[in-house]
């Protein structure tokens, strides 16, 4: 009848697990890139680290769209 919270979590785990893994992969990729590079389109390293960590999925995506500097084409 009225399942527990653990039952509900187990029920939704197949949907949540890929999203959690995607979020962690984006977080790690964005943090590694932000910490290894010095060139940003806007903002500085500290700003982007805070955005990446605090805004979960939106932060890493915003970094890759707006913050990541241009690659050296030479």
PDB file of N, CA and C in Angstrom:
ATOM      1  N   UNK A   1       0.833  -1.177   0.000  1.00  0.00           N
ATOM      2  CA  UNK A   1       0.000   0.000   0.000  1.00  0.00           C
ATOM      3  C   UNK A   1       0.884   1.249   0.000  1.00  0.00           C
ATOM      4  N   UNK A   2       1.025   1.931   1.122  1.00  0.00           N
ATOM      5  CA  UNK A   2       1.865   3.127   1.210  1.00  0.00           C
ATOM      6  C   UNK A   2       3.316   2.731   1.419  1.00  0.00           C
ATOM      7  N   UNK A   3       4.106   2.673   0.328  1.00  0.00           N
ATOM      8  CA  UNK A   3       5.494   2.240   0.419  1.00  0.00           C
ATOM      9  C   UNK A   3       6.366   3.216   1.186  1.00  0.00           C
ATOM     10  N   UNK A   4       7.472   2.725   1.630  1.00  0.00           N
ATOM     11  CA  UNK A   4       8.412   3.573   2.354  1.00  0.00           C
ATOM     12  C   UNK A   4       9.221   4.411   1.374  1.00  0.00           C
ATOM     13  N   UNK A   5       9.984   5.323   1.907  1.00  0.00           N
ATOM     14  CA  UNK A   5      10.831   6.169   1.054  1.00  0.00           C
ATOM     15  C   UNK A   5      11.894   5.336   0.339  1.00  0.00           C
ATOM     16  N   UNK A   6      12.393   4.295   1.010  1.00  0.00           N
ATOM     17  CA  UNK A   6      13.406   3.443   0.400  1.00  0.00           C
ATOM     18  C   UNK A   6      12.822   2.701  -0.806  1.00  0.00           C
ATOM     19  N   UNK A   7      11.570   2.251  -0.688  1.00  0.00           N
ATOM     20  CA  UNK A   7      10.915   1.586  -1.812  1.00  0.00           C
ATOM     21  C   UNK A   7      10.772   2.541  -2.993  1.00  0.00           C
ATOM     22  N   UNK A   8      10.434   3.774  -2.694  1.00  0.00           N
ATOM     23  CA  UNK A   8      10.293   4.783  -3.743  1.00  0.00           C
ATOM     24  C   UNK A   8      11.640   5.056  -4.405  1.00  0.00           C
ATOM     25  N   UNK A   9      12.677   5.157  -3.601  1.00  0.00           N
ATOM     26  CA  UNK A   9      14.026   5.381  -4.153  1.00  0.00           C
ATOM     27  C   UNK A   9      14.438   4.232  -5.055  1.00  0.00           C
ATOM     28  N   UNK A  10      14.220   3.018  -4.611  1.00  0.00           N
ATOM     29  CA  UNK A  10      14.580   1.843  -5.412  1.00  0.00           C
ATOM     30  C   UNK A  10      13.770   1.810  -6.701  1.00  0.00           C
ATOM     31  N   UNK A  11      12.538   2.250  -6.639  1.00  0.00           N
ATOM     32  CA  UNK A  11      11.687   2.277  -7.833  1.00  0.00           C
ATOM     33  C   UNK A  11      12.216   3.255  -8.877  1.00  0.00           C
ATOM     34  N   UNK A  12      12.712   4.412  -8.422  1.00  0.00           N
ATOM     35  CA  UNK A  12      13.190   5.441  -9.346  1.00  0.00           C
ATOM     36  C   UNK A  12      14.683   5.358  -9.645  1.00  0.00           C
ATOM     37  N   UNK A  13      15.388   4.454  -9.015  1.00  0.00           N
ATOM     38  CA  UNK A  13      16.835   4.342  -9.198  1.00  0.00           C
ATOM     39  C   UNK A  13      17.259   4.139 -10.653  1.00  0.00           C
ATOM     40  N   UNK A  14      16.562   3.313 -11.453  1.00  0.00           N
ATOM     41  CA  UNK A  14      16.972   3.184 -12.859  1.00  0.00           C
ATOM     42  C   UNK A  14      16.899   4.497 -13.641  1.00  0.00           C
ATOM     43  N   UNK A  15      16.041   5.419 -13.242  1.00  0.00           N
ATOM     44  CA  UNK A  15      15.978   6.728 -13.891  1.00  0.00           C
ATOM     45  C   UNK A  15      17.004   7.696 -13.316  1.00  0.00           C
ATOM     46  N   UNK A  16      17.228   7.606 -12.020  1.00  0.00           N
ATOM     47  CA  UNK A  16      18.129   8.552 -11.362  1.00  0.00           C
ATOM     48  C   UNK A  16      19.606   8.247 -11.596  1.00  0.00           C
ATOM     49  N   UNK A  17      19.968   6.996 -11.659  1.00  0.00           N
ATOM     50  CA  UNK A  17      21.377   6.621 -11.773  1.00  0.00           C
ATOM     51  C   UNK A  17      22.057   7.206 -13.008  1.00  0.00           C
ATOM     52  N   UNK A  18      21.464   7.115 -14.205  1.00  0.00           N
ATOM     53  CA  UNK A  18      22.119   7.742 -15.363  1.00  0.00           C
ATOM     54  C   UNK A  18      22.253   9.260 -15.221  1.00  0.00           C
ATOM     55  N   UNK A  19      21.267   9.908 -14.609  1.00  0.00           N
ATOM     56  CA  UNK A  19      21.354  11.354 -14.415  1.00  0.00           C
ATOM     57  C   UNK A  19      22.450  11.716 -13.420  1.00  0.00           C
ATOM     58  N   UNK A  20      22.571  10.931 -12.368  1.00  0.00           N
ATOM     59  CA  UNK A  20      23.627  11.167 -11.378  1.00  0.00           C
ATOM     60  C   UNK A  20      24.999  10.969 -12.015  1.00  0.00           C
ATOM     61  N   UNK A  21      25.156   9.920 -12.804  1.00  0.00           N
ATOM     62  CA  UNK A  21      26.437   9.669 -13.474  1.00  0.00           C
ATOM     63  C   UNK A  21      26.761  10.763 -14.484  1.00  0.00           C
ATOM     64  N   UNK A  22      25.754  11.230 -15.219  1.00  0.00           N
ATOM     65  CA  UNK A  22      25.953  12.326 -16.171  1.00  0.00           C
ATOM     66  C   UNK A  22      26.384  13.591 -15.434  1.00  0.00           C
ATOM     67  N   UNK A  23      25.729  13.889 -14.338  1.00  0.00           N
ATOM     68  CA  UNK A  23      26.074  15.074 -13.557  1.00  0.00           C
ATOM     69  C   UNK A  23      27.509  14.989 -13.045  1.00  0.00           C
ATOM     70  N   UNK A  24      27.894  13.837 -12.518  1.00  0.00           N
ATOM     71  CA  UNK A  24      29.263  13.678 -12.010  1.00  0.00           C
ATOM     72  C   UNK A  24      30.298  13.768 -13.129  1.00  0.00           C
ATOM     73  N   UNK A  25      30.002  13.173 -14.280  1.00  0.00           N
ATOM     74  CA  UNK A  25      30.936  13.235 -15.404  1.00  0.00           C
ATOM     75  C   UNK A  25      31.116  14.677 -15.880  1.00  0.00           C
ATOM     76  N   UNK A  26      30.016  15.419 -15.994  1.00  0.00           N
ATOM     77  CA  UNK A  26      30.107  16.824 -16.398  1.00  0.00           C
ATOM     78  C   UNK A  26      30.874  17.648 -15.364  1.00  0.00           C
ATOM     79  N   UNK A  27      30.605  17.392 -14.096  1.00  0.00           N
ATOM     80  CA  UNK A  27      31.286  18.109 -13.021  1.00  0.00           C
ATOM     81  C   UNK A  27      32.791  17.883 -13.075  1.00  0.00           C
ATOM     82  N   UNK A  28      33.198  16.629 -13.197  1.00  0.00           N
ATOM     83  CA  UNK A  28      34.621  16.306 -13.224  1.00  0.00           C
ATOM     84  C   UNK A  28      35.280  16.887 -14.474  1.00  0.00           C
ATOM     85  N   UNK A  29      34.656  16.721 -15.631  1.00  0.00           N
ATOM     86  CA  UNK A  29      35.241  17.233 -16.874  1.00  0.00           C
ATOM     87  C   UNK A  29      35.390  18.751 -16.831  1.00  0.00           C
ATOM     88  N   UNK A  30      34.369  19.454 -16.347  1.00  0.00           N
ATOM     89  CA  UNK A  30      34.423  20.913 -16.289  1.00  0.00           C
ATOM     90  C   UNK A  30      35.455  21.382 -15.266  1.00  0.00           C
ATOM     91  N   UNK A  31      35.504  20.733 -14.116  1.00  0.00           N
ATOM     92  CA  UNK A  31      36.489  21.122 -13.101  1.00  0.00           C
ATOM     93  C   UNK A  31      37.915  20.889 -13.577  1.00  0.00           C
ATOM     94  N   UNK A  32      38.163  19.754 -14.180  1.00  0.00           N
ATOM     95  CA  UNK A  32      39.508  19.454 -14.687  1.00  0.00           C
ATOM     96  C   UNK A  32      39.906  20.493 -15.728  1.00  0.00           C
ATOM     97  N   UNK A  33      39.000  20.804 -16.641  1.00  0.00           N
ATOM     98  CA  UNK A  33      39.314  21.780 -17.683  1.00  0.00           C
ATOM     99  C   UNK A  33      39.537  23.164 -17.081  1.00  0.00           C
ATOM    100  N   UNK A  34      38.664  23.565 -16.159  1.00  0.00           N
ATOM    101  CA  UNK A  34      38.784  24.905 -15.564  1.00  0.00           C
ATOM    102  C   UNK A  34      40.068  25.041 -14.760  1.00  0.00           C
ATOM    103  N   UNK A  35      40.494  23.986 -14.096  1.00  0.00           N
ATOM    104  CA  UNK A  35      41.692  24.069 -13.273  1.00  0.00           C
ATOM    105  C   UNK A  35      42.984  23.956 -14.076  1.00  0.00           C
ATOM    106  N   UNK A  36      42.921  23.368 -15.260  1.00  0.00           N
ATOM    107  CA  UNK A  36      44.132  23.189 -16.078  1.00  0.00           C
ATOM    108  C   UNK A  36      44.383  24.332 -17.052  1.00  0.00           C
ATOM    109  N   UNK A  37      43.362  25.126 -17.338  1.00  0.00           N
ATOM    110  CA  UNK A  37      43.501  26.192 -18.334  1.00  0.00           C
ATOM    111  C   UNK A  37      43.371  27.560 -17.681  1.00  0.00           C
ATOM    112  N   UNK A  38      44.059  28.523 -18.267  1.00  0.00           N
ATOM    113  CA  UNK A  38      44.043  29.883 -17.730  1.00  0.00           C
ATOM    114  C   UNK A  38      43.200  30.845 -18.554  1.00  0.00           C
ATOM    115  N   UNK A  39      42.739  30.426 -19.718  1.00  0.00           N
ATOM    116  CA  UNK A  39      42.022  31.311 -20.634  1.00  0.00           C
ATOM    117  C   UNK A  39      40.520  31.079 -20.516  1.00  0.00           C
ATOM    118  N   UNK A  40      39.785  32.138 -20.132  1.00  0.00           N
ATOM    119  CA  UNK A  40      38.333  32.069 -20.005  1.00  0.00           C
ATOM    120  C   UNK A  40      37.724  33.204 -20.803  1.00  0.00           C
ATOM    121  N   UNK A  41      36.567  32.964 -21.410  1.00  0.00           N
ATOM    122  CA  UNK A  41      35.904  34.025 -22.162  1.00  0.00           C
ATOM    123  C   UNK A  41      35.406  35.117 -21.229  1.00  0.00           C
ATOM    124  N   UNK A  42      34.870  34.721 -20.087  1.00  0.00           N
ATOM    125  CA  UNK A  42      34.416  35.691 -19.085  1.00  0.00           C
ATOM    126  C   UNK A  42      34.633  35.091 -17.708  1.00  0.00           C
ATOM    127  N   UNK A  43      34.862  35.934 -16.743  1.00  0.00           N
ATOM    128  CA  UNK A  43      35.085  35.457 -15.379  1.00  0.00           C
ATOM    129  C   UNK A  43      36.477  34.888 -15.202  1.00  0.00           C
ATOM    130  N   UNK A  44      36.773  34.507 -13.979  1.00  0.00           N
ATOM    131  CA  UNK A  44      38.068  33.931 -13.669  1.00  0.00           C
ATOM    132  C   UNK A  44      37.915  32.505 -13.166  1.00  0.00           C
ATOM    133  N   UNK A  45      39.036  31.918 -12.819  1.00  0.00           N
ATOM    134  CA  UNK A  45      39.048  30.518 -12.378  1.00  0.00           C
ATOM    135  C   UNK A  45      38.172  30.304 -11.147  1.00  0.00           C
ATOM    136  N   UNK A  46      38.320  31.145 -10.124  1.00  0.00           N
ATOM    137  CA  UNK A  46      37.547  30.975  -8.892  1.00  0.00           C
ATOM    138  C   UNK A  46      36.045  31.078  -9.166  1.00  0.00           C
ATOM    139  N   UNK A  47      35.661  32.030 -10.009  1.00  0.00           N
ATOM    140  CA  UNK A  47      34.248  32.195 -10.370  1.00  0.00           C
ATOM    141  C   UNK A  47      33.700  30.928 -10.999  1.00  0.00           C
ATOM    142  N   UNK A  48      34.420  30.370 -11.964  1.00  0.00           N
ATOM    143  CA  UNK A  48      33.923  29.201 -12.675  1.00  0.00           C
ATOM    144  C   UNK A  48      33.930  27.953 -11.803  1.00  0.00           C
ATOM    145  N   UNK A  49      34.884  27.815 -10.909  1.00  0.00           N
ATOM    146  CA  UNK A  49      34.882  26.671  -9.995  1.00  0.00           C
ATOM    147  C   UNK A  49      33.634  26.710  -9.108  1.00  0.00           C
ATOM    148  N   UNK A  50      33.308  27.886  -8.604  1.00  0.00           N
ATOM    149  CA  UNK A  50      32.105  28.021  -7.772  1.00  0.00           C
ATOM    150  C   UNK A  50      30.853  27.728  -8.589  1.00  0.00           C
ATOM    151  N   UNK A  51      30.764  28.257  -9.788  1.00  0.00           N
ATOM    152  CA  UNK A  51      29.596  28.008 -10.648  1.00  0.00           C
ATOM    153  C   UNK A  51      29.466  26.523 -10.965  1.00  0.00           C
ATOM    154  N   UNK A  52      30.565  25.884 -11.327  1.00  0.00           N
ATOM    155  CA  UNK A  52      30.542  24.464 -11.689  1.00  0.00           C
ATOM    156  C   UNK A  52      30.080  23.609 -10.519  1.00  0.00           C
ATOM    157  N   UNK A  53      30.601  23.885  -9.336  1.00  0.00           N
ATOM    158  CA  UNK A  53      30.286  23.050  -8.170  1.00  0.00           C
ATOM    159  C   UNK A  53      28.886  23.336  -7.622  1.00  0.00           C
ATOM    160  N   UNK A  54      28.495  24.580  -7.573  1.00  0.00           N
ATOM    161  CA  UNK A  54      27.241  24.941  -6.905  1.00  0.00           C
ATOM    162  C   UNK A  54      25.999  24.782  -7.773  1.00  0.00           C
ATOM    163  N   UNK A  55      26.125  24.889  -9.067  1.00  0.00           N
ATOM    164  CA  UNK A  55      24.938  24.849  -9.920  1.00  0.00           C
ATOM    165  C   UNK A  55      24.702  23.486 -10.569  1.00  0.00           C
ATOM    166  N   UNK A  56      25.350  22.468 -10.085  1.00  0.00           N
ATOM    167  CA  UNK A  56      25.166  21.083 -10.503  1.00  0.00           C
ATOM    168  C   UNK A  56      25.198  20.939 -12.022  1.00  0.00           C
ATOM    169  N   UNK A  57      24.168  20.466 -12.673  1.00  0.00           N
ATOM    170  CA  UNK A  57      24.211  20.208 -14.117  1.00  0.00           C
ATOM    171  C   UNK A  57      24.336  21.508 -14.907  1.00  0.00           C
ATOM    172  N   UNK A  58      23.664  22.556 -14.472  1.00  0.00           N
ATOM    173  CA  UNK A  58      23.670  23.821 -15.206  1.00  0.00           C
ATOM    174  C   UNK A  58      25.053  24.478 -15.187  1.00  0.00           C
ATOM    175  N   UNK A  59      25.772  24.384 -14.076  1.00  0.00           N
ATOM    176  CA  UNK A  59      27.090  25.011 -13.954  1.00  0.00           C
ATOM    177  C   UNK A  59      28.107  24.494 -14.959  1.00  0.00           C
ATOM    178  N   UNK A  60      28.313  23.163 -15.037  1.00  0.00           N
ATOM    179  CA  UNK A  60      29.262  22.656 -16.037  1.00  0.00           C
ATOM    180  C   UNK A  60      28.852  22.979 -17.476  1.00  0.00           C
ATOM    181  N   UNK A  61      27.568  22.894 -17.763  1.00  0.00           N
ATOM    182  CA  UNK A  61      27.103  23.220 -19.117  1.00  0.00           C
ATOM    183  C   UNK A  61      27.367  24.698 -19.413  1.00  0.00           C
ATOM    184  N   UNK A  62      27.068  25.570 -18.452  1.00  0.00           N
ATOM    185  CA  UNK A  62      27.331  27.000 -18.633  1.00  0.00           C
ATOM    186  C   UNK A  62      28.818  27.254 -18.839  1.00  0.00           C
ATOM    187  N   UNK A  63      29.666  26.542 -18.107  1.00  0.00           N
ATOM    188  CA  UNK A  63      31.114  26.710 -18.280  1.00  0.00           C
ATOM    189  C   UNK A  63      31.531  26.354 -19.701  1.00  0.00           C
ATOM    190  N   UNK A  64      31.074  25.219 -20.196  1.00  0.00           N
ATOM    191  CA  UNK A  64      31.481  24.805 -21.537  1.00  0.00           C
ATOM    192  C   UNK A  64      30.914  25.721 -22.621  1.00  0.00           C
ATOM    193  N   UNK A  65      29.771  26.337 -22.373  1.00  0.00           N
ATOM    194  CA  UNK A  65      29.181  27.242 -23.367  1.00  0.00           C
ATOM    195  C   UNK A  65      29.774  28.650 -23.270  1.00  0.00           C
ATOM    196  N   UNK A  66      29.841  29.196 -22.048  1.00  0.00           N
ATOM    197  CA  UNK A  66      30.194  30.610 -21.876  1.00  0.00           C
ATOM    198  C   UNK A  66      31.592  30.852 -21.327  1.00  0.00           C
ATOM    199  N   UNK A  67      32.153  29.928 -20.574  1.00  0.00           N
ATOM    200  CA  UNK A  67      33.390  30.222 -19.856  1.00  0.00           C
ATOM    201  C   UNK A  67      34.653  29.704 -20.487  1.00  0.00           C
ATOM    202  N   UNK A  68      34.555  28.573 -21.152  1.00  0.00           N
ATOM    203  CA  UNK A  68      35.763  27.947 -21.696  1.00  0.00           C
ATOM    204  C   UNK A  68      36.377  28.842 -22.752  1.00  0.00           C
ATOM    205  N   UNK A  69      37.669  29.088 -22.623  1.00  0.00           N
ATOM    206  CA  UNK A  69      38.377  29.934 -23.567  1.00  0.00           C
ATOM    207  C   UNK A  69      38.576  29.221 -24.897  1.00  0.00           C
ATOM    208  N   UNK A  70      38.880  29.994 -25.885  1.00  0.00           N
ATOM    209  CA  UNK A  70      39.126  29.452 -27.220  1.00  0.00           C
ATOM    210  C   UNK A  70      40.415  28.639 -27.226  1.00  0.00           C
ATOM    211  N   UNK A  71      40.384  27.529 -27.928  1.00  0.00           N
ATOM    212  CA  UNK A  71      41.594  26.699 -28.057  1.00  0.00           C
ATOM    213  C   UNK A  71      42.595  27.409 -28.944  1.00  0.00           C
ATOM    214  N   UNK A  72      43.856  27.211 -28.646  1.00  0.00           N
ATOM    215  CA  UNK A  72      44.922  27.816 -29.441  1.00  0.00           C
ATOM    216  C   UNK A  72      44.993  27.097 -30.786  1.00  0.00           C
ATOM    217  N   UNK A  73      44.694  27.793 -31.857  1.00  0.00           N
ATOM    218  CA  UNK A  73      44.602  27.165 -33.174  1.00  0.00           C
ATOM    219  C   UNK A  73      45.917  27.044 -33.920  1.00  0.00           C
ATOM    220  N   UNK A  74      47.034  27.454 -33.342  1.00  0.00           N
ATOM    221  CA  UNK A  74      48.288  27.407 -34.097  1.00  0.00           C
ATOM    222  C   UNK A  74      48.990  26.103 -34.013  1.00  0.00           C
TER     223      UNK A  74
END
